[in-house]
Amino acid sequence: MLKKLLFLLLLCITVNSFAQQTPHPIVLQPSNINLKFSLKYQISQSSFIDVPDTVGHRLGTAIGTGVALFNDSNSIPFKSYFTYDYTGGNGVFVDYYVFAFPNGSSFTIQAYGTSQGSGPNSGNPLFQATTLLSRGTGDFENFYAQGVMSGNRNSIVEENAVVRLSFDMKAMQQR
């Protein structure tokens, strides 16, 4: 009888310990990333020079930080760096988004695109760009992808402006 009680007690403890374990967090890797993801960031630094050929023509750079949402549930903080050639808030840009993961892996996306729709009465320009996963480290070494990006910004490129973007990228063969 004592053996049966000890066995039941041991069984209850074992079942209880398994029931209280938390599931392991999802690890983002090339094999399980849905490369359709969105991000939101805020510009933290901005600088520009006026180009004297046209009124409102600026060449500039900016840095921002924010959060990317992968697979509709995994939030990853990131930094962005971009350059632009805008006239009145419209024009071409080159963005670089650096995504770093807890295990030390990272990847960088280049986006070449155009901003349009900005004007004297509009502070919500739209973006469209082609994208390329240009460099990866750790789990993303030798992983390449390309695709498109779209989004908008709530004001001109200045500190505290908020940018929202969506990416749709597909894995491609090694270069």
Protein backbone atom coordinates (compact mmCIF):
# COMPACT_ATOMS: atom_id res chain seq x y z
CA MET A 1 0.00 0.00 0.00
CA LEU A 2 2.81 2.40 0.88
CA LYS A 3 4.51 1.62 -2.43
CA LYS A 4 1.30 2.48 -4.30
CA LEU A 5 0.95 5.79 -2.44
CA LEU A 6 4.59 6.69 -3.14
CA PHE A 7 4.14 5.75 -6.79
CA LEU A 8 1.01 7.94 -7.05
CA LEU A 9 2.77 10.82 -5.31
CA LEU A 10 5.75 10.53 -7.66
CA LEU A 11 3.40 10.35 -10.65
CA CYS A 12 1.51 13.47 -9.51
CA ILE A 13 4.75 15.39 -9.00
CA THR A 14 6.04 14.37 -12.43
CA VAL A 15 2.80 15.29 -14.23
CA ASN A 16 2.60 18.58 -12.35
CA SER A 17 6.20 19.54 -13.24
CA PHE A 18 5.55 18.90 -16.97
CA ALA A 19 2.29 20.84 -16.84
CA GLN A 20 4.01 23.91 -15.35
CA GLN A 21 6.78 24.13 -17.93
CA THR A 22 6.47 27.09 -20.25
CA PRO A 23 6.77 26.41 -23.95
CA HIS A 24 10.03 27.40 -25.63
CA PRO A 25 9.85 30.71 -27.48
CA ILE A 26 9.69 30.58 -31.26
CA VAL A 27 13.13 31.14 -32.75
CA LEU A 28 13.25 33.08 -36.00
CA GLN A 29 15.40 31.36 -38.59
CA PRO A 30 15.44 31.34 -42.39
CA SER A 31 13.48 28.08 -42.37
CA ASN A 32 10.53 29.45 -40.39
CA ILE A 33 10.37 33.18 -41.15
CA ASN A 34 7.37 34.37 -43.09
CA LEU A 35 9.01 37.14 -45.07
CA LYS A 36 5.74 39.03 -45.12
CA PHE A 37 6.22 41.31 -42.14
CA SER A 38 5.44 44.83 -41.01
CA LEU A 39 7.27 47.39 -38.98
CA LYS A 40 6.78 50.72 -37.30
CA TYR A 41 9.60 53.03 -36.32
CA GLN A 42 10.30 56.57 -35.21
CA ILE A 43 13.01 58.75 -36.70
CA SER A 44 15.48 59.61 -33.95
CA GLN A 45 18.11 61.56 -35.96
CA SER A 46 17.82 63.49 -39.18
CA SER A 47 20.11 65.77 -41.16
CA PHE A 48 19.95 67.26 -44.65
CA ILE A 49 21.43 69.80 -47.03
CA ASP A 50 19.40 72.02 -49.34
CA VAL A 51 20.22 71.56 -53.02
CA PRO A 52 19.97 74.99 -54.71
CA ASP A 53 18.62 73.70 -58.06
CA THR A 54 14.93 73.56 -57.06
CA VAL A 55 12.91 74.95 -54.16
CA GLY A 56 12.49 72.27 -51.48
CA HIS A 57 15.17 69.92 -52.89
CA ARG A 58 16.96 68.13 -50.03
CA LEU A 59 19.57 65.41 -49.73
CA GLY A 60 19.41 63.82 -46.32
CA THR A 61 20.01 60.96 -43.96
CA ALA A 62 18.02 59.67 -41.01
CA ILE A 63 18.21 57.00 -38.32
CA GLY A 64 15.26 55.39 -36.60
CA THR A 65 14.40 52.65 -34.14
CA GLY A 66 11.28 50.56 -33.90
CA VAL A 67 9.68 47.13 -33.81
CA ALA A 68 9.14 44.62 -36.62
CA LEU A 69 6.28 42.13 -36.43
CA PHE A 70 7.15 38.73 -37.96
CA ASN A 71 4.67 35.89 -38.48
CA ASP A 72 1.96 38.11 -36.94
CA SER A 73 3.26 37.46 -33.42
CA ASN A 74 7.04 37.82 -33.03
CA SER A 75 8.12 41.39 -32.22
CA ILE A 76 11.77 42.21 -32.86
CA PRO A 77 13.37 45.62 -32.14
CA PHE A 78 15.52 47.02 -34.97
CA LYS A 79 17.44 50.05 -36.22
CA SER A 80 16.99 51.72 -39.60
CA TYR A 81 19.33 53.95 -41.57
CA PHE A 82 18.31 55.73 -44.74
CA THR A 83 19.31 58.35 -47.27
CA TYR A 84 16.97 60.33 -49.48
CA ASP A 85 16.84 62.79 -52.37
CA TYR A 86 13.48 64.56 -51.96
CA THR A 87 11.91 67.60 -53.59
CA GLY A 88 9.00 68.77 -51.46
CA GLY A 89 9.03 65.41 -49.62
CA ASN A 90 8.81 63.38 -52.84
CA GLY A 91 11.62 61.50 -54.50
CA VAL A 92 13.99 58.57 -54.26
CA PHE A 93 15.47 56.92 -51.20
CA VAL A 94 17.72 54.07 -50.15
CA ASP A 95 16.90 52.47 -46.77
CA TYR A 96 18.86 49.94 -44.74
CA TYR A 97 17.04 48.03 -42.00
CA VAL A 98 19.17 46.04 -39.55
CA PHE A 99 17.36 43.26 -37.68
CA ALA A 100 19.29 41.70 -34.78
CA PHE A 101 18.06 38.62 -32.92
CA PRO A 102 18.64 37.43 -29.33
CA ASN A 103 20.95 34.60 -30.44
CA GLY A 104 23.32 37.05 -32.17
CA SER A 105 22.05 36.40 -35.71
CA SER A 106 21.08 39.38 -37.86
CA PHE A 107 20.18 40.45 -41.37
CA THR A 108 20.15 43.70 -43.32
CA ILE A 109 17.56 44.70 -45.90
CA GLN A 110 18.21 47.34 -48.58
CA ALA A 111 15.17 49.13 -50.03
CA TYR A 112 15.40 51.27 -53.19
CA GLY A 113 12.25 53.27 -53.72
CA THR A 114 10.20 56.39 -54.24
CA SER A 115 8.19 58.57 -51.90
CA GLN A 116 5.18 60.32 -53.44
CA GLY A 117 2.07 62.17 -52.40
CA SER A 118 3.70 64.72 -50.13
CA GLY A 119 2.67 68.34 -50.62
CA PRO A 120 1.89 71.60 -48.86
CA ASN A 121 -1.39 70.23 -47.47
CA SER A 122 -0.33 66.59 -47.17
CA GLY A 123 1.88 65.09 -44.49
CA ASN A 124 1.29 61.45 -45.37
CA PRO A 125 3.52 60.48 -48.31
CA LEU A 126 3.35 56.90 -49.62
CA PHE A 127 6.38 54.69 -50.31
CA GLN A 128 7.06 51.91 -52.74
CA ALA A 129 10.38 50.10 -53.04
CA THR A 130 12.15 46.98 -54.19
CA THR A 131 13.97 45.15 -51.43
CA LEU A 132 16.94 42.85 -51.07
CA LEU A 133 18.16 40.98 -48.01
CA SER A 134 21.74 42.12 -48.54
CA ARG A 135 23.64 40.55 -45.65
CA GLY A 136 23.05 37.99 -42.95
CA THR A 137 25.03 36.69 -39.98
CA GLY A 138 24.63 33.64 -37.73
CA ASP A 139 21.49 31.72 -38.71
CA PHE A 140 21.11 34.03 -41.74
CA GLU A 141 24.59 33.54 -43.19
CA ASN A 142 24.22 32.74 -46.92
CA PHE A 143 20.46 33.45 -46.82
CA TYR A 144 19.14 35.78 -49.53
CA ALA A 145 15.70 37.19 -50.31
CA GLN A 146 14.16 39.88 -52.48
CA GLY A 147 10.78 41.51 -52.81
CA VAL A 148 8.84 44.72 -52.30
CA MET A 149 8.00 47.21 -49.58
CA SER A 150 5.18 49.73 -49.20
CA GLY A 151 4.12 52.14 -46.49
CA ASN A 152 3.76 55.73 -45.33
CA ARG A 153 5.13 58.38 -42.98
CA ASN A 154 3.11 60.83 -40.85
CA SER A 155 5.20 63.92 -41.71
CA ILE A 156 8.32 65.12 -43.49
CA VAL A 157 11.59 63.41 -42.63
CA GLU A 158 12.35 64.92 -39.24
CA GLU A 159 12.98 63.75 -35.69
CA ASN A 160 9.97 61.99 -34.14
CA ALA A 161 8.28 61.30 -37.50
CA VAL A 162 6.59 57.87 -37.46
CA VAL A 163 7.02 55.46 -40.40
CA ARG A 164 4.94 52.32 -41.08
CA LEU A 165 6.05 49.76 -43.67
CA SER A 166 5.08 46.32 -44.97
CA PHE A 167 7.52 43.90 -46.61
CA ASP A 168 6.78 40.94 -48.89
CA MET A 169 9.98 39.05 -49.67
CA LYS A 170 10.79 35.65 -51.18
CA ALA A 171 13.87 33.50 -50.58
CA MET A 172 16.19 33.31 -53.59
CA GLN A 173 19.22 31.32 -54.70
CA GLN A 174 22.64 32.11 -53.28
CA ARG A 175 24.53 34.81 -55.10
